[in-house]
Amino acid sequence: MVKINKIYTRTGDKGTTLLGDGKRVDKNSLRVDAYGSVDESNAAIGLAILRTSSKIKKLLQIVQNDLFDLGADLCVPDKKKIQKLRITNDRIDYIEKKIDSFNKELAPLNSFVLPGGSESSIYLHIARTITRRAERKVVALSRKEKINPIAIVYLNRLSDLLFVIARYTNNKGKKDILWKPGKNLKKK
């Protein structure tokens, strides 16, 4: 269990922070940027929780815990001697089952969906786009340093889940706003 005695330590006042292995790095390093973006995704999901049903709230609270595990995974560089918390395939399986469960109640899509329709859906779309950004940051990190590859898969699948439940909260897709390509372009 984590024990936090003091919130401010002043050790980061010069723009550095400690990774989970004790190494000090710049706060704008790829690794810190990646797990910081995962934290942003978690906060956006927390906001979405305020505007959704208890069924989805419970699911998203499980996801929030997974995201903290993922952040812990990312904050420790891969080294043979360090035992670390890892996000695992069973979390991806869990999300895929939830996607399938919600998606079977939705009509198939014939167009892309614009963020909107209901307040709950908008918050979920915001969380989805922030999760996509976190995924891009983790991919960038993976191109420079070794990471747990399941981290990328988890974020990819999570954004899919957020999309599906955003549609679900739009009266099971009936309030979705569909993209109409070129709708506002002047005809020549």
N, C-alpha and C. Protein backbone atom coordinates (compact mmCIF):
# COMPACT_ATOMS: atom_id res chain seq x y z
N MET A 1 0.84 -1.18 0.00
CA MET A 1 0.00 0.00 0.00
C MET A 1 0.88 1.24 0.00
N VAL A 2 0.43 2.27 -0.65
CA VAL A 2 1.16 3.53 -0.74
C VAL A 2 0.84 4.37 0.49
N LYS A 3 1.88 4.98 1.06
CA LYS A 3 1.69 5.87 2.20
C LYS A 3 2.28 7.23 1.83
N ILE A 4 1.46 8.27 1.92
CA ILE A 4 1.90 9.63 1.58
C ILE A 4 1.80 10.48 2.83
N ASN A 5 2.95 10.88 3.35
CA ASN A 5 2.98 11.68 4.57
C ASN A 5 2.94 13.18 4.28
N LYS A 6 3.59 13.58 3.21
CA LYS A 6 3.70 15.00 2.92
C LYS A 6 3.42 15.21 1.43
N ILE A 7 2.60 16.21 1.13
CA ILE A 7 2.22 16.45 -0.25
C ILE A 7 3.32 17.18 -1.01
N TYR A 8 3.88 18.20 -0.44
CA TYR A 8 4.96 18.91 -1.14
C TYR A 8 6.30 18.50 -0.55
N THR A 9 7.25 18.30 -1.46
CA THR A 9 8.59 17.85 -1.05
C THR A 9 9.67 18.83 -1.51
N ARG A 10 9.32 19.69 -2.43
CA ARG A 10 10.25 20.66 -3.04
C ARG A 10 11.32 20.01 -3.92
N THR A 11 11.28 18.69 -4.06
CA THR A 11 12.31 18.01 -4.86
C THR A 11 12.10 18.22 -6.36
N GLY A 12 10.92 18.64 -6.76
CA GLY A 12 10.65 18.85 -8.18
C GLY A 12 10.67 20.31 -8.60
N ASP A 13 11.10 21.17 -7.72
CA ASP A 13 11.05 22.61 -7.98
C ASP A 13 11.96 23.05 -9.13
N LYS A 14 12.88 22.23 -9.53
CA LYS A 14 13.78 22.58 -10.63
C LYS A 14 13.44 21.84 -11.92
N GLY A 15 12.21 21.32 -11.97
CA GLY A 15 11.75 20.70 -13.20
C GLY A 15 12.09 19.24 -13.38
N THR A 16 12.41 18.56 -12.28
CA THR A 16 12.69 17.13 -12.37
C THR A 16 11.75 16.37 -11.43
N THR A 17 11.67 15.08 -11.66
CA THR A 17 10.84 14.21 -10.82
C THR A 17 11.50 12.84 -10.73
N LEU A 18 11.06 12.06 -9.77
CA LEU A 18 11.58 10.69 -9.62
C LEU A 18 10.68 9.70 -10.33
N LEU A 19 11.30 8.79 -11.07
CA LEU A 19 10.56 7.66 -11.63
C LEU A 19 10.40 6.61 -10.53
N GLY A 20 9.64 5.59 -10.83
CA GLY A 20 9.40 4.53 -9.86
C GLY A 20 10.62 3.72 -9.49
N ASP A 21 11.69 3.81 -10.29
CA ASP A 21 12.93 3.10 -9.97
C ASP A 21 13.92 3.99 -9.22
N GLY A 22 13.50 5.23 -8.89
CA GLY A 22 14.36 6.14 -8.15
C GLY A 22 15.22 7.05 -9.01
N LYS A 23 15.17 6.87 -10.31
CA LYS A 23 15.96 7.72 -11.21
C LYS A 23 15.28 9.08 -11.35
N ARG A 24 16.06 10.16 -11.30
CA ARG A 24 15.55 11.52 -11.46
C ARG A 24 15.61 11.89 -12.94
N VAL A 25 14.48 12.37 -13.48
CA VAL A 25 14.39 12.77 -14.89
C VAL A 25 13.66 14.11 -15.00
N ASP A 26 13.80 14.75 -16.17
CA ASP A 26 13.07 15.98 -16.42
C ASP A 26 11.57 15.69 -16.46
N LYS A 27 10.79 16.65 -15.97
CA LYS A 27 9.33 16.47 -15.96
C LYS A 27 8.73 16.43 -17.35
N ASN A 28 9.46 16.92 -18.35
CA ASN A 28 8.95 16.87 -19.71
C ASN A 28 9.52 15.69 -20.50
N SER A 29 10.07 14.70 -19.82
CA SER A 29 10.57 13.50 -20.50
C SER A 29 9.39 12.74 -21.12
N LEU A 30 9.69 11.94 -22.13
CA LEU A 30 8.65 11.15 -22.78
C LEU A 30 7.90 10.27 -21.78
N ARG A 31 8.63 9.67 -20.86
CA ARG A 31 7.99 8.76 -19.90
C ARG A 31 7.02 9.51 -18.98
N VAL A 32 7.47 10.64 -18.45
CA VAL A 32 6.60 11.43 -17.55
C VAL A 32 5.41 11.96 -18.34
N ASP A 33 5.64 12.39 -19.57
CA ASP A 33 4.55 12.88 -20.42
C ASP A 33 3.54 11.77 -20.67
N ALA A 34 4.02 10.55 -20.89
CA ALA A 34 3.12 9.42 -21.17
C ALA A 34 2.26 9.10 -19.95
N TYR A 35 2.88 8.90 -18.78
CA TYR A 35 2.03 8.54 -17.64
C TYR A 35 1.24 9.74 -17.13
N GLY A 36 1.72 10.96 -17.41
CA GLY A 36 0.92 12.14 -17.08
C GLY A 36 -0.33 12.23 -17.92
N SER A 37 -0.23 11.83 -19.18
CA SER A 37 -1.40 11.82 -20.05
C SER A 37 -2.40 10.74 -19.64
N VAL A 38 -1.91 9.64 -19.14
CA VAL A 38 -2.80 8.60 -18.60
C VAL A 38 -3.55 9.17 -17.39
N ASP A 39 -2.86 9.95 -16.57
CA ASP A 39 -3.49 10.59 -15.42
C ASP A 39 -4.58 11.58 -15.87
N GLU A 40 -4.32 12.32 -16.95
CA GLU A 40 -5.33 13.23 -17.50
C GLU A 40 -6.57 12.45 -17.94
N SER A 41 -6.34 11.33 -18.59
CA SER A 41 -7.45 10.48 -19.01
C SER A 41 -8.28 10.05 -17.80
N ASN A 42 -7.59 9.67 -16.74
CA ASN A 42 -8.26 9.24 -15.52
C ASN A 42 -9.12 10.37 -14.95
N ALA A 43 -8.59 11.60 -14.94
CA ALA A 43 -9.35 12.74 -14.41
C ALA A 43 -10.58 13.02 -15.28
N ALA A 44 -10.43 12.91 -16.59
CA ALA A 44 -11.56 13.13 -17.49
C ALA A 44 -12.64 12.07 -17.27
N ILE A 45 -12.22 10.85 -17.01
CA ILE A 45 -13.19 9.80 -16.71
C ILE A 45 -13.89 10.09 -15.39
N GLY A 46 -13.14 10.63 -14.42
CA GLY A 46 -13.76 11.03 -13.16
C GLY A 46 -14.84 12.06 -13.37
N LEU A 47 -14.62 12.99 -14.27
CA LEU A 47 -15.63 13.99 -14.59
C LEU A 47 -16.84 13.35 -15.27
N ALA A 48 -16.59 12.42 -16.19
CA ALA A 48 -17.68 11.73 -16.88
C ALA A 48 -18.54 10.94 -15.89
N ILE A 49 -17.91 10.39 -14.86
CA ILE A 49 -18.65 9.62 -13.85
C ILE A 49 -19.75 10.46 -13.21
N LEU A 50 -19.50 11.74 -13.05
CA LEU A 50 -20.49 12.62 -12.42
C LEU A 50 -21.77 12.75 -13.24
N ARG A 51 -21.70 12.45 -14.52
CA ARG A 51 -22.83 12.68 -15.42
C ARG A 51 -23.39 11.40 -16.04
N THR A 52 -23.18 10.28 -15.39
CA THR A 52 -23.63 9.03 -16.01
C THR A 52 -24.39 8.15 -15.02
N SER A 53 -24.94 7.08 -15.52
CA SER A 53 -25.74 6.15 -14.71
C SER A 53 -24.86 5.36 -13.75
N SER A 54 -25.50 4.76 -12.76
CA SER A 54 -24.74 3.96 -11.77
C SER A 54 -24.09 2.74 -12.44
N LYS A 55 -24.73 2.18 -13.45
CA LYS A 55 -24.16 1.03 -14.17
C LYS A 55 -22.82 1.41 -14.81
N ILE A 56 -22.79 2.53 -15.49
CA ILE A 56 -21.57 2.98 -16.15
C ILE A 56 -20.58 3.53 -15.13
N LYS A 57 -21.08 4.15 -14.09
CA LYS A 57 -20.21 4.68 -13.03
C LYS A 57 -19.35 3.56 -12.44
N LYS A 58 -19.97 2.44 -12.13
CA LYS A 58 -19.23 1.30 -11.55
C LYS A 58 -18.14 0.81 -12.50
N LEU A 59 -18.48 0.71 -13.77
CA LEU A 59 -17.52 0.29 -14.78
C LEU A 59 -16.35 1.27 -14.85
N LEU A 60 -16.66 2.56 -14.90
CA LEU A 60 -15.61 3.56 -15.03
C LEU A 60 -14.73 3.65 -13.78
N GLN A 61 -15.28 3.36 -12.62
CA GLN A 61 -14.45 3.35 -11.41
C GLN A 61 -13.44 2.19 -11.46
N ILE A 62 -13.84 1.08 -12.04
CA ILE A 62 -12.90 -0.03 -12.25
C ILE A 62 -11.81 0.41 -13.22
N VAL A 63 -12.20 1.08 -14.29
CA VAL A 63 -11.24 1.59 -15.27
C VAL A 63 -10.27 2.57 -14.62
N GLN A 64 -10.78 3.44 -13.75
CA GLN A 64 -9.90 4.40 -13.09
C GLN A 64 -8.80 3.70 -12.30
N ASN A 65 -9.14 2.65 -11.61
CA ASN A 65 -8.13 1.89 -10.87
C ASN A 65 -7.12 1.26 -11.83
N ASP A 66 -7.64 0.71 -12.94
CA ASP A 66 -6.74 0.15 -13.97
C ASP A 66 -5.78 1.21 -14.49
N LEU A 67 -6.27 2.43 -14.68
CA LEU A 67 -5.41 3.50 -15.20
C LEU A 67 -4.31 3.87 -14.21
N PHE A 68 -4.61 3.80 -12.91
CA PHE A 68 -3.54 4.03 -11.93
C PHE A 68 -2.51 2.91 -12.01
N ASP A 69 -2.97 1.68 -12.19
CA ASP A 69 -2.04 0.56 -12.38
C ASP A 69 -1.19 0.78 -13.63
N LEU A 70 -1.82 1.25 -14.70
CA LEU A 70 -1.10 1.51 -15.94
C LEU A 70 -0.06 2.61 -15.74
N GLY A 71 -0.43 3.67 -15.02
CA GLY A 71 0.52 4.73 -14.71
C GLY A 71 1.70 4.21 -13.91
N ALA A 72 1.41 3.33 -12.95
CA ALA A 72 2.48 2.72 -12.15
C ALA A 72 3.39 1.86 -13.04
N ASP A 73 2.79 1.17 -13.98
CA ASP A 73 3.55 0.36 -14.93
C ASP A 73 4.49 1.26 -15.74
N LEU A 74 3.97 2.36 -16.24
CA LEU A 74 4.75 3.25 -17.10
C LEU A 74 5.82 4.04 -16.35
N CYS A 75 5.62 4.29 -15.05
CA CYS A 75 6.58 5.14 -14.33
C CYS A 75 7.85 4.39 -13.92
N VAL A 76 7.89 3.10 -14.16
CA VAL A 76 9.09 2.31 -13.84
C VAL A 76 9.67 1.76 -15.14
N PRO A 77 10.85 2.24 -15.54
CA PRO A 77 11.47 1.68 -16.75
C PRO A 77 11.68 0.18 -16.61
N ASP A 78 11.59 -0.52 -17.73
CA ASP A 78 11.77 -1.98 -17.72
C ASP A 78 13.21 -2.32 -17.36
N LYS A 79 13.36 -3.00 -16.25
CA LYS A 79 14.68 -3.49 -15.82
C LYS A 79 14.47 -4.86 -15.20
N LYS A 80 15.41 -5.72 -15.42
CA LYS A 80 15.28 -7.10 -14.95
C LYS A 80 15.16 -7.21 -13.43
N LYS A 81 15.85 -6.35 -12.69
CA LYS A 81 15.93 -6.50 -11.24
C LYS A 81 14.75 -5.89 -10.48
N ILE A 82 13.93 -5.12 -11.17
CA ILE A 82 12.85 -4.43 -10.47
C ILE A 82 11.53 -5.16 -10.66
N GLN A 83 10.89 -5.51 -9.57
CA GLN A 83 9.54 -6.07 -9.59
C GLN A 83 8.57 -4.91 -9.73
N LYS A 84 7.71 -4.95 -10.72
CA LYS A 84 6.82 -3.82 -10.93
C LYS A 84 5.40 -4.27 -11.21
N LEU A 85 4.49 -3.36 -10.95
CA LEU A 85 3.09 -3.57 -11.26
C LEU A 85 2.93 -3.47 -12.78
N ARG A 86 2.22 -4.42 -13.38
CA ARG A 86 2.04 -4.44 -14.82
C ARG A 86 0.56 -4.53 -15.16
N ILE A 87 0.16 -3.77 -16.16
CA ILE A 87 -1.18 -3.95 -16.71
C ILE A 87 -1.14 -5.25 -17.52
N THR A 88 -2.17 -6.06 -17.46
CA THR A 88 -2.14 -7.40 -18.07
C THR A 88 -3.30 -7.60 -19.04
N ASN A 89 -3.18 -8.66 -19.83
CA ASN A 89 -4.20 -8.97 -20.84
C ASN A 89 -5.58 -9.20 -20.26
N ASP A 90 -5.68 -9.63 -19.01
CA ASP A 90 -7.01 -9.86 -18.44
C ASP A 90 -7.81 -8.56 -18.35
N ARG A 91 -7.13 -7.43 -18.23
CA ARG A 91 -7.82 -6.13 -18.19
C ARG A 91 -8.37 -5.79 -19.58
N ILE A 92 -7.63 -6.17 -20.61
CA ILE A 92 -8.11 -5.95 -21.98
C ILE A 92 -9.32 -6.85 -22.24
N ASP A 93 -9.24 -8.10 -21.80
CA ASP A 93 -10.37 -9.02 -21.95
C ASP A 93 -11.62 -8.47 -21.27
N TYR A 94 -11.44 -7.91 -20.08
CA TYR A 94 -12.57 -7.32 -19.33
C TYR A 94 -13.21 -6.20 -20.15
N ILE A 95 -12.38 -5.30 -20.68
CA ILE A 95 -12.91 -4.17 -21.45
C ILE A 95 -13.61 -4.67 -22.72
N GLU A 96 -13.02 -5.64 -23.40
CA GLU A 96 -13.65 -6.15 -24.62
C GLU A 96 -15.01 -6.76 -24.34
N LYS A 97 -15.14 -7.45 -23.22
CA LYS A 97 -16.45 -8.02 -22.85
C LYS A 97 -17.46 -6.91 -22.60
N LYS A 98 -17.02 -5.83 -21.97
CA LYS A 98 -17.92 -4.70 -21.71
C LYS A 98 -18.31 -4.01 -23.02
N ILE A 99 -17.35 -3.85 -23.92
CA ILE A 99 -17.65 -3.25 -25.23
C ILE A 99 -18.71 -4.08 -25.94
N ASP A 100 -18.50 -5.40 -25.99
CA ASP A 100 -19.45 -6.29 -26.67
C ASP A 100 -20.83 -6.22 -26.03
N SER A 101 -20.88 -6.16 -24.72
CA SER A 101 -22.15 -6.12 -24.00
C SER A 101 -22.93 -4.84 -24.32
N PHE A 102 -22.28 -3.70 -24.26
CA PHE A 102 -22.96 -2.44 -24.56
C PHE A 102 -23.27 -2.33 -26.05
N ASN A 103 -22.34 -2.74 -26.88
CA ASN A 103 -22.48 -2.56 -28.32
C ASN A 103 -23.63 -3.38 -28.91
N LYS A 104 -23.93 -4.53 -28.31
CA LYS A 104 -25.01 -5.36 -28.87
C LYS A 104 -26.38 -4.68 -28.74
N GLU A 105 -26.47 -3.65 -27.89
CA GLU A 105 -27.73 -2.92 -27.74
C GLU A 105 -27.81 -1.70 -28.66
N LEU A 106 -26.76 -1.46 -29.44
CA LEU A 106 -26.71 -0.29 -30.31
C LEU A 106 -26.97 -0.68 -31.76
N ALA A 107 -27.60 0.23 -32.48
CA ALA A 107 -27.78 0.02 -33.92
C ALA A 107 -26.43 0.19 -34.61
N PRO A 108 -26.21 -0.55 -35.70
CA PRO A 108 -24.95 -0.37 -36.44
C PRO A 108 -24.83 1.06 -36.96
N LEU A 109 -23.60 1.52 -37.09
CA LEU A 109 -23.35 2.88 -37.57
C LEU A 109 -23.22 2.92 -39.09
N ASN A 110 -23.74 3.98 -39.69
CA ASN A 110 -23.58 4.22 -41.12
C ASN A 110 -22.74 5.46 -41.39
N SER A 111 -22.27 6.09 -40.31
CA SER A 111 -21.47 7.30 -40.42
C SER A 111 -20.67 7.46 -39.12
N PHE A 112 -19.73 8.39 -39.15
CA PHE A 112 -19.02 8.72 -37.93
C PHE A 112 -19.96 9.51 -37.01
N VAL A 113 -19.71 9.45 -35.72
CA VAL A 113 -20.54 10.13 -34.73
C VAL A 113 -19.83 11.40 -34.26
N LEU A 114 -20.55 12.50 -34.26
CA LEU A 114 -20.03 13.74 -33.72
C LEU A 114 -20.25 13.75 -32.21
N PRO A 115 -19.29 14.28 -31.43
CA PRO A 115 -19.49 14.35 -29.98
C PRO A 115 -20.70 15.23 -29.66
N GLY A 116 -21.63 14.69 -28.93
CA GLY A 116 -22.83 15.44 -28.56
C GLY A 116 -23.99 14.51 -28.30
N GLY A 117 -25.18 15.08 -28.30
CA GLY A 117 -26.39 14.31 -28.09
C GLY A 117 -26.91 14.44 -26.68
N SER A 118 -26.08 14.09 -25.71
CA SER A 118 -26.46 14.23 -24.30
C SER A 118 -25.24 14.70 -23.51
N GLU A 119 -25.49 15.27 -22.36
CA GLU A 119 -24.38 15.75 -21.51
C GLU A 119 -23.43 14.60 -21.16
N SER A 120 -23.99 13.48 -20.80
CA SER A 120 -23.18 12.32 -20.43
C SER A 120 -22.29 11.89 -21.59
N SER A 121 -22.87 11.85 -22.77
CA SER A 121 -22.12 11.44 -23.96
C SER A 121 -20.97 12.39 -24.24
N ILE A 122 -21.20 13.68 -24.09
CA ILE A 122 -20.14 14.66 -24.36
C ILE A 122 -18.96 14.43 -23.41
N TYR A 123 -19.24 14.24 -22.12
CA TYR A 123 -18.16 13.99 -21.17
C TYR A 123 -17.39 12.72 -21.50
N LEU A 124 -18.10 11.71 -21.95
CA LEU A 124 -17.43 10.46 -22.34
C LEU A 124 -16.58 10.64 -23.60
N HIS A 125 -17.06 11.45 -24.54
CA HIS A 125 -16.26 11.73 -25.73
C HIS A 125 -15.00 12.53 -25.38
N ILE A 126 -15.12 13.46 -24.44
CA ILE A 126 -13.93 14.20 -24.00
C ILE A 126 -12.93 13.22 -23.39
N ALA A 127 -13.41 12.33 -22.53
CA ALA A 127 -12.53 11.32 -21.93
C ALA A 127 -11.90 10.44 -23.01
N ARG A 128 -12.68 10.12 -24.04
CA ARG A 128 -12.17 9.29 -25.15
C ARG A 128 -11.04 9.99 -25.88
N THR A 129 -11.22 11.27 -26.19
CA THR A 129 -10.17 11.97 -26.94
C THR A 129 -8.92 12.17 -26.10
N ILE A 130 -9.08 12.37 -24.81
CA ILE A 130 -7.91 12.48 -23.92
C ILE A 130 -7.20 11.13 -23.82
N THR A 131 -7.97 10.06 -23.80
CA THR A 131 -7.39 8.72 -23.78
C THR A 131 -6.64 8.44 -25.08
N ARG A 132 -7.16 8.90 -26.21
CA ARG A 132 -6.45 8.75 -27.48
C ARG A 132 -5.12 9.50 -27.45
N ARG A 133 -5.12 10.70 -26.85
CA ARG A 133 -3.87 11.46 -26.73
C ARG A 133 -2.87 10.68 -25.86
N ALA A 134 -3.35 10.14 -24.75
CA ALA A 134 -2.48 9.33 -23.89
C ALA A 134 -1.91 8.16 -24.67
N GLU A 135 -2.73 7.53 -25.49
CA GLU A 135 -2.25 6.42 -26.31
C GLU A 135 -1.12 6.88 -27.24
N ARG A 136 -1.29 8.05 -27.86
CA ARG A 136 -0.24 8.56 -28.76
C ARG A 136 1.06 8.82 -27.99
N LYS A 137 0.94 9.34 -26.77
CA LYS A 137 2.13 9.62 -25.95
C LYS A 137 2.83 8.31 -25.56
N VAL A 138 2.06 7.29 -25.23
CA VAL A 138 2.64 6.00 -24.85
C VAL A 138 3.29 5.35 -26.07
N VAL A 139 2.67 5.49 -27.23
CA VAL A 139 3.28 4.97 -28.46
C VAL A 139 4.62 5.68 -28.71
N ALA A 140 4.65 7.01 -28.54
CA ALA A 140 5.90 7.76 -28.73
C ALA A 140 6.98 7.25 -27.78
N LEU A 141 6.61 7.02 -26.52
CA LEU A 141 7.55 6.48 -25.54
C LEU A 141 8.05 5.11 -25.99
N SER A 142 7.14 4.27 -26.49
CA SER A 142 7.51 2.91 -26.88
C SER A 142 8.49 2.89 -28.05
N ARG A 143 8.53 3.96 -28.83
CA ARG A 143 9.47 4.04 -29.95
C ARG A 143 10.88 4.40 -29.49
N LYS A 144 11.00 4.89 -28.26
CA LYS A 144 12.30 5.32 -27.73
C LYS A 144 12.80 4.43 -26.59
N GLU A 145 11.86 3.85 -25.82
CA GLU A 145 12.23 3.04 -24.66
C GLU A 145 11.36 1.80 -24.62
N LYS A 146 11.84 0.78 -23.96
CA LYS A 146 11.06 -0.44 -23.81
C LYS A 146 9.96 -0.22 -22.77
N ILE A 147 8.74 -0.59 -23.14
CA ILE A 147 7.61 -0.53 -22.20
C ILE A 147 6.82 -1.83 -22.33
N ASN A 148 5.89 -2.00 -21.43
CA ASN A 148 4.95 -3.11 -21.51
C ASN A 148 4.03 -2.84 -22.71
N PRO A 149 4.07 -3.65 -23.76
CA PRO A 149 3.27 -3.38 -24.96
C PRO A 149 1.77 -3.44 -24.71
N ILE A 150 1.37 -4.08 -23.65
CA ILE A 150 -0.06 -4.17 -23.32
C ILE A 150 -0.61 -2.79 -22.95
N ALA A 151 0.25 -1.88 -22.54
CA ALA A 151 -0.18 -0.52 -22.20
C ALA A 151 -0.85 0.15 -23.40
N ILE A 152 -0.27 0.00 -24.57
CA ILE A 152 -0.83 0.60 -25.78
C ILE A 152 -2.17 -0.04 -26.11
N VAL A 153 -2.22 -1.35 -26.06
CA VAL A 153 -3.46 -2.07 -26.36
C VAL A 153 -4.56 -1.65 -25.39
N TYR A 154 -4.21 -1.55 -24.10
CA TYR A 154 -5.21 -1.16 -23.10
C TYR A 154 -5.82 0.21 -23.43
N LEU A 155 -4.98 1.19 -23.73
CA LEU A 155 -5.49 2.53 -24.02
C LEU A 155 -6.31 2.54 -25.31
N ASN A 156 -5.88 1.78 -26.30
CA ASN A 156 -6.64 1.68 -27.54
C ASN A 156 -8.03 1.11 -27.27
N ARG A 157 -8.08 0.04 -26.53
CA ARG A 157 -9.36 -0.59 -26.22
C ARG A 157 -10.22 0.29 -25.32
N LEU A 158 -9.59 0.99 -24.37
CA LEU A 158 -10.34 1.88 -23.49
C LEU A 158 -11.03 2.98 -24.29
N SER A 159 -10.34 3.55 -25.27
CA SER A 159 -10.99 4.59 -26.07
C SER A 159 -12.18 4.02 -26.84
N ASP A 160 -12.07 2.77 -27.29
CA ASP A 160 -13.21 2.11 -27.93
C ASP A 160 -14.37 1.96 -26.95
N LEU A 161 -14.07 1.56 -25.74
CA LEU A 161 -15.11 1.42 -24.72
C LEU A 161 -15.79 2.77 -24.46
N LEU A 162 -15.01 3.82 -24.33
CA LEU A 162 -15.58 5.14 -24.06
C LEU A 162 -16.48 5.58 -25.22
N PHE A 163 -16.10 5.26 -26.45
CA PHE A 163 -16.93 5.58 -27.60
C PHE A 163 -18.26 4.83 -27.53
N VAL A 164 -18.19 3.55 -27.25
CA VAL A 164 -19.41 2.73 -27.20
C VAL A 164 -20.33 3.18 -26.08
N ILE A 165 -19.80 3.46 -24.91
CA ILE A 165 -20.71 3.88 -23.83
C ILE A 165 -21.18 5.32 -24.02
N ALA A 166 -20.43 6.14 -24.77
CA ALA A 166 -20.94 7.47 -25.13
C ALA A 166 -22.18 7.31 -26.01
N ARG A 167 -22.12 6.38 -26.93
CA ARG A 167 -23.30 6.10 -27.77
C ARG A 167 -24.43 5.51 -26.93
N TYR A 168 -24.08 4.62 -26.04
CA TYR A 168 -25.09 3.98 -25.18
C TYR A 168 -25.84 5.03 -24.35
N THR A 169 -25.10 6.02 -23.84
CA THR A 169 -25.76 7.05 -23.02
C THR A 169 -26.58 8.02 -23.87
N ASN A 170 -26.41 7.96 -25.17
CA ASN A 170 -27.23 8.76 -26.09
C ASN A 170 -28.49 7.97 -26.46
N ASN A 171 -29.18 7.50 -25.44
CA ASN A 171 -30.39 6.72 -25.64
C ASN A 171 -30.11 5.55 -26.60
N LYS A 172 -29.03 4.83 -26.26
CA LYS A 172 -28.60 3.66 -27.04
C LYS A 172 -28.37 4.00 -28.51
N GLY A 173 -27.83 5.18 -28.74
CA GLY A 173 -27.48 5.61 -30.09
C GLY A 173 -28.55 6.41 -30.80
N LYS A 174 -29.75 6.46 -30.25
CA LYS A 174 -30.85 7.18 -30.91
C LYS A 174 -30.63 8.69 -30.93
N LYS A 175 -29.85 9.21 -29.97
CA LYS A 175 -29.56 10.65 -29.93
C LYS A 175 -28.19 10.99 -30.53
N ASP A 176 -27.52 10.00 -31.12
CA ASP A 176 -26.23 10.27 -31.76
C ASP A 176 -26.40 11.32 -32.85
N ILE A 177 -25.43 12.17 -32.98
CA ILE A 177 -25.38 13.15 -34.06
C ILE A 177 -24.39 12.62 -35.08
N LEU A 178 -24.88 12.30 -36.25
CA LEU A 178 -24.04 11.69 -37.27
C LEU A 178 -23.39 12.74 -38.16
N TRP A 179 -22.16 12.47 -38.54
CA TRP A 179 -21.41 13.33 -39.45
C TRP A 179 -22.01 13.20 -40.84
N LYS A 180 -22.23 14.35 -41.48
CA LYS A 180 -22.70 14.39 -42.85
C LYS A 180 -21.60 15.03 -43.68
N PRO A 181 -20.77 14.22 -44.32
CA PRO A 181 -19.62 14.76 -45.06
C PRO A 181 -20.01 15.85 -46.05
N GLY A 182 -19.33 17.00 -45.95
CA GLY A 182 -19.54 18.10 -46.88
C GLY A 182 -20.85 18.85 -46.71
N LYS A 183 -21.56 18.59 -45.66
CA LYS A 183 -22.89 19.19 -45.44
C LYS A 183 -22.86 20.72 -45.57
N ASN A 184 -21.84 21.36 -45.07
CA ASN A 184 -21.81 22.83 -45.04
C ASN A 184 -20.95 23.45 -46.12
N LEU A 185 -20.44 22.62 -47.02
CA LEU A 185 -19.62 23.15 -48.12
C LEU A 185 -20.51 23.71 -49.21
N LYS A 186 -20.08 24.83 -49.79
CA LYS A 186 -20.83 25.43 -50.88
C LYS A 186 -20.64 24.60 -52.14
N LYS A 187 -21.71 24.38 -52.83
CA LYS A 187 -21.67 23.62 -54.09
C LYS A 187 -21.22 24.55 -55.20
N LYS A 188 -20.36 24.03 -56.07
CA LYS A 188 -19.89 24.85 -57.21
C LYS A 188 -20.68 24.56 -58.45
